[in-house]
Amino acid sequence: MKTKIELEKNILDIIMKIHIEFPELSKYISEMPDNNLSITTNI
C-alpha cells in the first residue's frame, strides 16, 4: 500500500502531465474537488 505522500506525488505527477500533454484539459483541473493535499503547487 502506498503512503499518503506517495499518493499525493502521483496525483501531482498526473496533473503536471495533463498540463504538458493536454493543455486544453487544464481548465478542468480547477474543478477537481479539494482533498487538502499536504503538498502545494503553483500551477
PDB file of N, CA and C in Angstrom:
ATOM      1  N   MET A   1       0.852  -1.183   0.000  1.00  0.00           N
ATOM      2  CA  MET A   1       0.000   0.000   0.000  1.00  0.00           C
ATOM      3  C   MET A   1       0.894   1.242   0.000  1.00  0.00           C
ATOM      4  N   LYS A   2       0.485   2.236  -0.798  1.00  0.00           N
ATOM      5  CA  LYS A   2       1.263   3.463  -0.896  1.00  0.00           C
ATOM      6  C   LYS A   2       0.964   4.383   0.280  1.00  0.00           C
ATOM      7  N   THR A   3       1.965   5.170   0.625  1.00  0.00           N
ATOM      8  CA  THR A   3       1.769   6.149   1.693  1.00  0.00           C
ATOM      9  C   THR A   3       1.021   7.355   1.133  1.00  0.00           C
ATOM     10  N   LYS A   4       0.545   8.183   2.023  1.00  0.00           N
ATOM     11  CA  LYS A   4      -0.161   9.391   1.614  1.00  0.00           C
ATOM     12  C   LYS A   4       0.739  10.276   0.758  1.00  0.00           C
ATOM     13  N   ILE A   5       1.982  10.403   1.141  1.00  0.00           N
ATOM     14  CA  ILE A   5       2.936  11.229   0.389  1.00  0.00           C
ATOM     15  C   ILE A   5       3.123  10.675  -1.021  1.00  0.00           C
ATOM     16  N   GLU A   6       3.234   9.374  -1.140  1.00  0.00           N
ATOM     17  CA  GLU A   6       3.394   8.753  -2.462  1.00  0.00           C
ATOM     18  C   GLU A   6       2.162   8.984  -3.328  1.00  0.00           C
ATOM     19  N   LEU A   7       0.998   8.849  -2.739  1.00  0.00           N
ATOM     20  CA  LEU A   7      -0.235   9.085  -3.485  1.00  0.00           C
ATOM     21  C   LEU A   7      -0.344  10.539  -3.939  1.00  0.00           C
ATOM     22  N   GLU A   8       0.005  11.454  -3.052  1.00  0.00           N
ATOM     23  CA  GLU A   8      -0.045  12.871  -3.400  1.00  0.00           C
ATOM     24  C   GLU A   8       0.944  13.202  -4.514  1.00  0.00           C
ATOM     25  N   LYS A   9       2.109  12.605  -4.467  1.00  0.00           N
ATOM     26  CA  LYS A   9       3.091  12.814  -5.527  1.00  0.00           C
ATOM     27  C   LYS A   9       2.559  12.280  -6.850  1.00  0.00           C
ATOM     28  N   ASN A  10       1.922  11.121  -6.819  1.00  0.00           N
ATOM     29  CA  ASN A  10       1.341  10.558  -8.040  1.00  0.00           C
ATOM     30  C   ASN A  10       0.256  11.472  -8.612  1.00  0.00           C
ATOM     31  N   ILE A  11      -0.557  12.031  -7.755  1.00  0.00           N
ATOM     32  CA  ILE A  11      -1.605  12.949  -8.197  1.00  0.00           C
ATOM     33  C   ILE A  11      -0.984  14.166  -8.862  1.00  0.00           C
ATOM     34  N   LEU A  12       0.033  14.721  -8.234  1.00  0.00           N
ATOM     35  CA  LEU A  12       0.696  15.888  -8.814  1.00  0.00           C
ATOM     36  C   LEU A  12       1.375  15.558 -10.137  1.00  0.00           C
ATOM     37  N   ASP A  13       1.965  14.402 -10.231  1.00  0.00           N
ATOM     38  CA  ASP A  13       2.581  13.976 -11.495  1.00  0.00           C
ATOM     39  C   ASP A  13       1.539  13.896 -12.604  1.00  0.00           C
ATOM     40  N   ILE A  14       0.385  13.369 -12.283  1.00  0.00           N
ATOM     41  CA  ILE A  14      -0.692  13.260 -13.275  1.00  0.00           C
ATOM     42  C   ILE A  14      -1.178  14.650 -13.681  1.00  0.00           C
ATOM     43  N   ILE A  15      -1.341  15.528 -12.717  1.00  0.00           N
ATOM     44  CA  ILE A  15      -1.790  16.895 -13.017  1.00  0.00           C
ATOM     45  C   ILE A  15      -0.779  17.601 -13.921  1.00  0.00           C
ATOM     46  N   MET A  16       0.497  17.453 -13.618  1.00  0.00           N
ATOM     47  CA  MET A  16       1.524  18.089 -14.451  1.00  0.00           C
ATOM     48  C   MET A  16       1.540  17.485 -15.852  1.00  0.00           C
ATOM     49  N   LYS A  17       1.337  16.202 -15.956  1.00  0.00           N
ATOM     50  CA  LYS A  17       1.285  15.547 -17.263  1.00  0.00           C
ATOM     51  C   LYS A  17       0.114  16.091 -18.084  1.00  0.00           C
ATOM     52  N   ILE A  18      -1.021  16.298 -17.432  1.00  0.00           N
ATOM     53  CA  ILE A  18      -2.173  16.881 -18.121  1.00  0.00           C
ATOM     54  C   ILE A  18      -1.819  18.280 -18.628  1.00  0.00           C
ATOM     55  N   HIS A  19      -1.190  19.099 -17.791  1.00  0.00           N
ATOM     56  CA  HIS A  19      -0.802  20.450 -18.195  1.00  0.00           C
ATOM     57  C   HIS A  19       0.115  20.433 -19.410  1.00  0.00           C
ATOM     58  N   ILE A  20       1.044  19.502 -19.424  1.00  0.00           N
ATOM     59  CA  ILE A  20       2.032  19.450 -20.505  1.00  0.00           C
ATOM     60  C   ILE A  20       1.469  18.811 -21.771  1.00  0.00           C
ATOM     61  N   GLU A  21       0.820  17.671 -21.623  1.00  0.00           N
ATOM     62  CA  GLU A  21       0.404  16.903 -22.791  1.00  0.00           C
ATOM     63  C   GLU A  21      -0.998  17.245 -23.295  1.00  0.00           C
ATOM     64  N   PHE A  22      -1.844  17.757 -22.417  1.00  0.00           N
ATOM     65  CA  PHE A  22      -3.224  18.052 -22.790  1.00  0.00           C
ATOM     66  C   PHE A  22      -3.630  19.422 -22.240  1.00  0.00           C
ATOM     67  N   PRO A  23      -2.986  20.481 -22.687  1.00  0.00           N
ATOM     68  CA  PRO A  23      -3.269  21.807 -22.107  1.00  0.00           C
ATOM     69  C   PRO A  23      -4.733  22.229 -22.224  1.00  0.00           C
ATOM     70  N   GLU A  24      -5.422  21.715 -23.227  1.00  0.00           N
ATOM     71  CA  GLU A  24      -6.834  22.075 -23.379  1.00  0.00           C
ATOM     72  C   GLU A  24      -7.681  21.525 -22.239  1.00  0.00           C
ATOM     73  N   LEU A  25      -7.185  20.524 -21.529  1.00  0.00           N
ATOM     74  CA  LEU A  25      -7.924  19.947 -20.400  1.00  0.00           C
ATOM     75  C   LEU A  25      -7.560  20.600 -19.065  1.00  0.00           C
ATOM     76  N   SER A  26      -6.536  21.423 -19.067  1.00  0.00           N
ATOM     77  CA  SER A  26      -6.072  22.051 -17.824  1.00  0.00           C
ATOM     78  C   SER A  26      -7.158  22.858 -17.135  1.00  0.00           C
ATOM     79  N   LYS A  27      -8.063  23.423 -17.924  1.00  0.00           N
ATOM     80  CA  LYS A  27      -9.114  24.242 -17.318  1.00  0.00           C
ATOM     81  C   LYS A  27     -10.016  23.425 -16.396  1.00  0.00           C
ATOM     82  N   TYR A  28     -10.080  22.122 -16.593  1.00  0.00           N
ATOM     83  CA  TYR A  28     -10.936  21.279 -15.763  1.00  0.00           C
ATOM     84  C   TYR A  28     -10.281  20.882 -14.441  1.00  0.00           C
ATOM     85  N   ILE A  29      -8.997  21.068 -14.333  1.00  0.00           N
ATOM     86  CA  ILE A  29      -8.297  20.714 -13.093  1.00  0.00           C
ATOM     87  C   ILE A  29      -8.813  21.555 -11.932  1.00  0.00           C
ATOM     88  N   SER A  30      -9.130  22.802 -12.201  1.00  0.00           N
ATOM     89  CA  SER A  30      -9.648  23.655 -11.122  1.00  0.00           C
ATOM     90  C   SER A  30     -11.008  23.187 -10.620  1.00  0.00           C
ATOM     91  N   GLU A  31     -11.691  22.357 -11.403  1.00  0.00           N
ATOM     92  CA  GLU A  31     -12.996  21.835 -10.989  1.00  0.00           C
ATOM     93  C   GLU A  31     -12.886  20.576 -10.136  1.00  0.00           C
ATOM     94  N   MET A  32     -11.694  20.063  -9.995  1.00  0.00           N
ATOM     95  CA  MET A  32     -11.496  18.871  -9.165  1.00  0.00           C
ATOM     96  C   MET A  32     -11.754  19.229  -7.706  1.00  0.00           C
ATOM     97  N   PRO A  33     -12.343  18.321  -6.970  1.00  0.00           N
ATOM     98  CA  PRO A  33     -12.589  18.611  -5.550  1.00  0.00           C
ATOM     99  C   PRO A  33     -11.280  18.780  -4.785  1.00  0.00           C
ATOM    100  N   ASP A  34     -11.304  19.656  -3.837  1.00  0.00           N
ATOM    101  CA  ASP A  34     -10.133  19.886  -2.989  1.00  0.00           C
ATOM    102  C   ASP A  34     -10.077  18.781  -1.945  1.00  0.00           C
ATOM    103  N   ASN A  35      -8.967  18.068  -1.918  1.00  0.00           N
ATOM    104  CA  ASN A  35      -8.849  16.988  -0.934  1.00  0.00           C
ATOM    105  C   ASN A  35      -7.771  17.293   0.098  1.00  0.00           C
ATOM    106  N   ASN A  36      -7.419  18.574   0.204  1.00  0.00           N
ATOM    107  CA  ASN A  36      -6.464  19.021   1.223  1.00  0.00           C
ATOM    108  C   ASN A  36      -5.123  18.310   1.124  1.00  0.00           C
ATOM    109  N   LEU A  37      -4.543  18.332  -0.058  1.00  0.00           N
ATOM    110  CA  LEU A  37      -3.215  17.755  -0.216  1.00  0.00           C
ATOM    111  C   LEU A  37      -2.225  18.516   0.658  1.00  0.00           C
ATOM    112  N   SER A  38      -1.314  17.801   1.240  1.00  0.00           N
ATOM    113  CA  SER A  38      -0.310  18.466   2.069  1.00  0.00           C
ATOM    114  C   SER A  38       0.823  19.048   1.209  1.00  0.00           C
ATOM    115  N   ILE A  39       0.881  18.625  -0.054  1.00  0.00           N
ATOM    116  CA  ILE A  39       1.865  19.177  -0.984  1.00  0.00           C
ATOM    117  C   ILE A  39       1.160  20.274  -1.759  1.00  0.00           C
ATOM    118  N   THR A  40       1.770  21.446  -1.850  1.00  0.00           N
ATOM    119  CA  THR A  40       1.139  22.537  -2.574  1.00  0.00           C
ATOM    120  C   THR A  40       1.918  22.823  -3.848  1.00  0.00           C
ATOM    121  N   THR A  41       1.198  23.356  -4.832  1.00  0.00           N
ATOM    122  CA  THR A  41       1.830  23.689  -6.105  1.00  0.00           C
ATOM    123  C   THR A  41       1.360  25.059  -6.556  1.00  0.00           C
ATOM    124  N   ASN A  42       2.080  25.607  -7.478  1.00  0.00           N
ATOM    125  CA  ASN A  42       1.681  26.862  -8.116  1.00  0.00           C
ATOM    126  C   ASN A  42       1.466  26.593  -9.582  1.00  0.00           C
ATOM    127  N   ILE A  43       0.379  25.921  -9.887  1.00  0.00           N
ATOM    128  CA  ILE A  43       0.097  25.525 -11.266  1.00  0.00           C
ATOM    129  C   ILE A  43      -0.735  26.602 -11.922  1.00  0.00           C
TER     130      ILE A  43
END
